[in-house]
Amino acid sequence: MRPDRLTYFVIGIFVGAAAGILAGLMFAPARGDETRRRLAEEASRLAETARIVAERAESAVENVGSRMDHYLGRDEEVAWRKVQEIRDGVQRYSRTVMSS
């Protein structure tokens, strides 16, 4: 782009931004203080929704974690029972072999 075209382009950006700001102020549906109040209320509502979602997610994670502990604990319990059965079997076999 040539320097004079770049200059006109930059001037056009500034004029367009100024016109957009002016049009926004002139055609805004509410006064500034009312708009700020509505934005604050909406932000508060979104924060409350985010808090509720976070609590539900935390509850779900705790639920899944307790289920995993339960199932892993059950598997561990079954494994220890099997180990004990094998030990008992080995001891019985050893006694049988020793007594023969």
Protein backbone atom coordinates (compact mmCIF):
# COMPACT_ATOMS: atom_id res chain seq x y z
CA MET A 1 0.00 0.00 0.00
CA ARG A 2 1.26 3.46 -0.82
CA PRO A 3 1.76 5.95 2.06
CA ASP A 4 -1.18 8.18 1.04
CA ARG A 5 -3.52 5.18 0.85
CA LEU A 6 -2.33 3.99 4.28
CA THR A 7 -2.98 7.47 5.68
CA TYR A 8 -6.52 7.51 4.30
CA PHE A 9 -7.07 3.97 5.59
CA VAL A 10 -6.03 4.96 9.15
CA ILE A 11 -8.15 8.11 8.99
CA GLY A 12 -11.08 5.98 7.81
CA ILE A 13 -10.65 3.63 10.75
CA PHE A 14 -10.71 6.51 13.23
CA VAL A 15 -13.68 8.20 11.57
CA GLY A 16 -15.57 4.89 11.46
CA ALA A 17 -14.81 4.18 15.13
CA ALA A 18 -15.94 7.66 16.14
CA ALA A 19 -19.14 7.32 14.09
CA GLY A 20 -19.80 3.90 15.66
CA ILE A 21 -19.35 5.26 19.17
CA LEU A 22 -21.60 8.24 18.43
CA ALA A 23 -24.29 6.02 16.87
CA GLY A 24 -24.07 3.65 19.85
CA LEU A 25 -24.57 6.48 22.30
CA MET A 26 -27.43 8.01 20.32
CA PHE A 27 -29.35 4.78 19.71
CA ALA A 28 -28.62 2.95 22.96
CA PRO A 29 -31.84 1.38 24.32
CA ALA A 30 -31.10 2.45 27.90
CA ARG A 31 -29.16 5.02 29.89
CA GLY A 32 -25.62 4.22 30.97
CA ASP A 33 -26.41 3.67 34.64
CA GLU A 34 -29.30 1.36 33.73
CA THR A 35 -27.12 -0.58 31.31
CA ARG A 36 -24.37 -0.95 33.94
CA ARG A 37 -26.95 -2.17 36.48
CA ARG A 38 -28.28 -4.76 34.02
CA LEU A 39 -24.75 -5.89 33.17
CA ALA A 40 -23.94 -6.23 36.89
CA GLU A 41 -27.11 -8.26 37.48
CA GLU A 42 -26.32 -10.50 34.53
CA ALA A 43 -22.74 -10.98 35.73
CA SER A 44 -24.06 -11.88 39.18
CA ARG A 45 -26.53 -14.36 37.69
CA LEU A 46 -23.79 -15.95 35.58
CA ALA A 47 -21.51 -16.18 38.63
CA GLU A 48 -24.27 -17.93 40.59
CA THR A 49 -24.85 -20.34 37.70
CA ALA A 50 -21.12 -21.06 37.51
CA ARG A 51 -21.07 -21.71 41.29
CA ILE A 52 -23.98 -24.16 40.99
CA VAL A 53 -22.34 -25.96 38.06
CA ALA A 54 -19.06 -26.17 40.00
CA GLU A 55 -20.85 -27.63 43.04
CA ARG A 56 -22.60 -30.21 40.87
CA ALA A 57 -19.33 -31.12 39.18
CA GLU A 58 -17.63 -31.48 42.57
CA SER A 59 -20.48 -33.68 43.79
CA ALA A 60 -20.25 -35.84 40.67
CA VAL A 61 -16.49 -36.21 41.08
CA GLU A 62 -16.91 -37.22 44.72
CA ASN A 63 -19.61 -39.72 43.72
CA VAL A 64 -17.47 -41.25 41.00
CA GLY A 65 -14.47 -41.29 43.34
CA SER A 66 -16.38 -43.12 46.06
CA ARG A 67 -17.69 -45.63 43.53
CA MET A 68 -14.17 -46.20 42.24
CA ASP A 69 -12.92 -46.71 45.80
CA HIS A 70 -15.79 -49.12 46.40
CA TYR A 71 -15.13 -51.16 43.26
CA LEU A 72 -11.36 -51.09 43.67
CA GLY A 73 -11.75 -52.01 47.30
CA ARG A 74 -14.05 -54.88 46.34
CA ASP A 75 -11.54 -56.11 43.76
CA GLU A 76 -8.76 -55.84 46.30
CA GLU A 77 -10.84 -57.74 48.84
CA VAL A 78 -11.56 -60.50 46.30
CA ALA A 79 -7.87 -60.66 45.39
CA TRP A 80 -6.85 -61.00 49.05
CA ARG A 81 -9.45 -63.75 49.53
CA LYS A 82 -8.02 -65.58 46.52
CA VAL A 83 -4.50 -65.19 47.92
CA GLN A 84 -5.69 -66.61 51.24
CA GLU A 85 -7.41 -69.51 49.48
CA ILE A 86 -4.20 -70.27 47.59
CA ARG A 87 -2.17 -70.12 50.83
CA ASP A 88 -4.64 -72.45 52.53
CA GLY A 89 -4.48 -74.81 49.56
CA VAL A 90 -0.68 -74.78 49.58
CA GLN A 91 -0.63 -75.46 53.32
CA ARG A 92 -3.09 -78.34 52.95
CA TYR A 93 -1.08 -79.76 50.05
CA SER A 94 2.13 -79.39 52.09
CA ARG A 95 0.56 -81.22 55.05
CA THR A 96 -0.72 -83.97 52.74
CA VAL A 97 2.68 -84.40 51.11
CA MET A 98 4.50 -84.32 54.47
CA SER A 99 2.19 -86.88 56.04
CA SER A 100 2.52 -89.32 53.13
